[in-house]
Amino acid sequence: MSLQPERIAQLCELLKLPAIHAEWSAYAQRAAQEEHSFADFLESVLSASEPPVPSAFARRCSSSRRSRP
């Protein structure tokens, strides 16, 4: 039994990449069936990811820049 899917799930959670967690397996199967390169696989998985929500720190920095004269 492979622990790799569990490790990938943990990493996706840690990196806040829920879309990749949900889709990576399907992309991996498709890439293997169609003999895609690793770069093609990676591009398809990364394109599925949602842009991260800005952190509170980033929002504060952004708002402080806008409030300056």
C-alpha atoms as a PDB file:
ATOM      1  CA  MET A   1       0.000   0.000   0.000  1.00  0.00           C
ATOM      2  CA  SER A   2       1.370   3.378  -1.036  1.00  0.00           C
ATOM      3  CA  LEU A   3       1.381   6.285   1.374  1.00  0.00           C
ATOM      4  CA  GLN A   4       2.030   8.740  -1.446  1.00  0.00           C
ATOM      5  CA  PRO A   5      -1.631   9.848  -1.841  1.00  0.00           C
ATOM      6  CA  GLU A   6      -1.764  10.612   1.879  1.00  0.00           C
ATOM      7  CA  ARG A   7       1.449  12.641   1.696  1.00  0.00           C
ATOM      8  CA  ILE A   8       0.134  14.558  -1.318  1.00  0.00           C
ATOM      9  CA  ALA A   9      -3.099  15.287   0.553  1.00  0.00           C
ATOM     10  CA  GLN A  10      -1.144  16.598   3.541  1.00  0.00           C
ATOM     11  CA  LEU A  11       1.042  18.788   1.335  1.00  0.00           C
ATOM     12  CA  CYS A  12      -1.967  20.193  -0.507  1.00  0.00           C
ATOM     13  CA  GLU A  13      -3.563  21.045   2.824  1.00  0.00           C
ATOM     14  CA  LEU A  14      -0.370  22.629   4.119  1.00  0.00           C
ATOM     15  CA  LEU A  15       0.071  24.675   0.933  1.00  0.00           C
ATOM     16  CA  LYS A  16      -3.641  25.517   0.791  1.00  0.00           C
ATOM     17  CA  LEU A  17      -4.182  23.941  -2.636  1.00  0.00           C
ATOM     18  CA  PRO A  18      -7.582  22.240  -2.409  1.00  0.00           C
ATOM     19  CA  ALA A  19      -8.127  22.148  -6.168  1.00  0.00           C
ATOM     20  CA  ILE A  20      -4.878  20.254  -6.715  1.00  0.00           C
ATOM     21  CA  HIS A  21      -5.762  17.836  -3.931  1.00  0.00           C
ATOM     22  CA  ALA A  22      -9.094  17.140  -5.613  1.00  0.00           C
ATOM     23  CA  GLU A  23      -7.755  16.686  -9.155  1.00  0.00           C
ATOM     24  CA  TRP A  24      -4.137  15.485  -9.110  1.00  0.00           C
ATOM     25  CA  SER A  25      -4.973  11.791  -9.350  1.00  0.00           C
ATOM     26  CA  ALA A  26      -7.130  12.232 -12.451  1.00  0.00           C
ATOM     27  CA  TYR A  27      -4.444  14.359 -14.088  1.00  0.00           C
ATOM     28  CA  ALA A  28      -1.795  11.764 -13.251  1.00  0.00           C
ATOM     29  CA  GLN A  29      -3.850   8.951 -14.778  1.00  0.00           C
ATOM     30  CA  ARG A  30      -4.552  10.967 -17.912  1.00  0.00           C
ATOM     31  CA  ALA A  31      -0.891  11.947 -18.267  1.00  0.00           C
ATOM     32  CA  ALA A  32       0.187   8.303 -17.971  1.00  0.00           C
ATOM     33  CA  GLN A  33      -2.396   7.089 -20.482  1.00  0.00           C
ATOM     34  CA  GLU A  34      -1.519   9.782 -23.006  1.00  0.00           C
ATOM     35  CA  GLU A  35       2.234   9.578 -22.285  1.00  0.00           C
ATOM     36  CA  HIS A  36       2.535  13.252 -21.404  1.00  0.00           C
ATOM     37  CA  SER A  37       5.764  14.646 -20.058  1.00  0.00           C
ATOM     38  CA  PHE A  38       6.131  15.564 -16.419  1.00  0.00           C
ATOM     39  CA  ALA A  39       6.096  19.236 -17.419  1.00  0.00           C
ATOM     40  CA  ASP A  40       2.741  18.742 -19.186  1.00  0.00           C
ATOM     41  CA  PHE A  41       1.360  16.978 -16.111  1.00  0.00           C
ATOM     42  CA  LEU A  42       2.617  19.705 -13.790  1.00  0.00           C
ATOM     43  CA  GLU A  43       1.196  22.455 -15.971  1.00  0.00           C
ATOM     44  CA  SER A  44      -2.240  20.833 -16.031  1.00  0.00           C
ATOM     45  CA  VAL A  45      -2.262  20.320 -12.259  1.00  0.00           C
ATOM     46  CA  LEU A  46      -1.086  23.849 -11.513  1.00  0.00           C
ATOM     47  CA  SER A  47      -3.636  25.329 -13.889  1.00  0.00           C
ATOM     48  CA  ALA A  48      -6.329  23.627 -11.804  1.00  0.00           C
ATOM     49  CA  SER A  49      -5.225  25.407  -8.646  1.00  0.00           C
ATOM     50  CA  GLU A  50      -7.121  28.427  -7.461  1.00  0.00           C
ATOM     51  CA  PRO A  51      -5.263  31.635  -6.722  1.00  0.00           C
ATOM     52  CA  PRO A  52      -4.548  31.811  -3.000  1.00  0.00           C
ATOM     53  CA  VAL A  53      -6.603  34.107  -0.841  1.00  0.00           C
ATOM     54  CA  PRO A  54      -4.451  37.034   0.261  1.00  0.00           C
ATOM     55  CA  SER A  55      -3.357  36.782   3.862  1.00  0.00           C
ATOM     56  CA  ALA A  56      -4.414  39.330   6.428  1.00  0.00           C
ATOM     57  CA  PHE A  57      -0.845  40.648   6.407  1.00  0.00           C
ATOM     58  CA  ALA A  58      -0.910  41.159   2.628  1.00  0.00           C
ATOM     59  CA  ARG A  59      -4.276  42.917   2.863  1.00  0.00           C
ATOM     60  CA  ARG A  60      -2.944  45.247   5.578  1.00  0.00           C
ATOM     61  CA  CYS A  61       0.134  46.064   3.506  1.00  0.00           C
ATOM     62  CA  SER A  62      -1.979  46.734   0.465  1.00  0.00           C
ATOM     63  CA  SER A  63      -4.429  48.969   2.329  1.00  0.00           C
ATOM     64  CA  SER A  64      -1.617  50.906   4.030  1.00  0.00           C
ATOM     65  CA  ARG A  65      -0.045  51.678   0.655  1.00  0.00           C
ATOM     66  CA  ARG A  66      -3.353  52.986  -0.670  1.00  0.00           C
ATOM     67  CA  SER A  67      -3.887  55.254   2.338  1.00  0.00           C
ATOM     68  CA  ARG A  68      -0.559  57.051   1.925  1.00  0.00           C
ATOM     69  CA  PRO A  69      -0.559  60.420   0.110  1.00  0.00           C
END
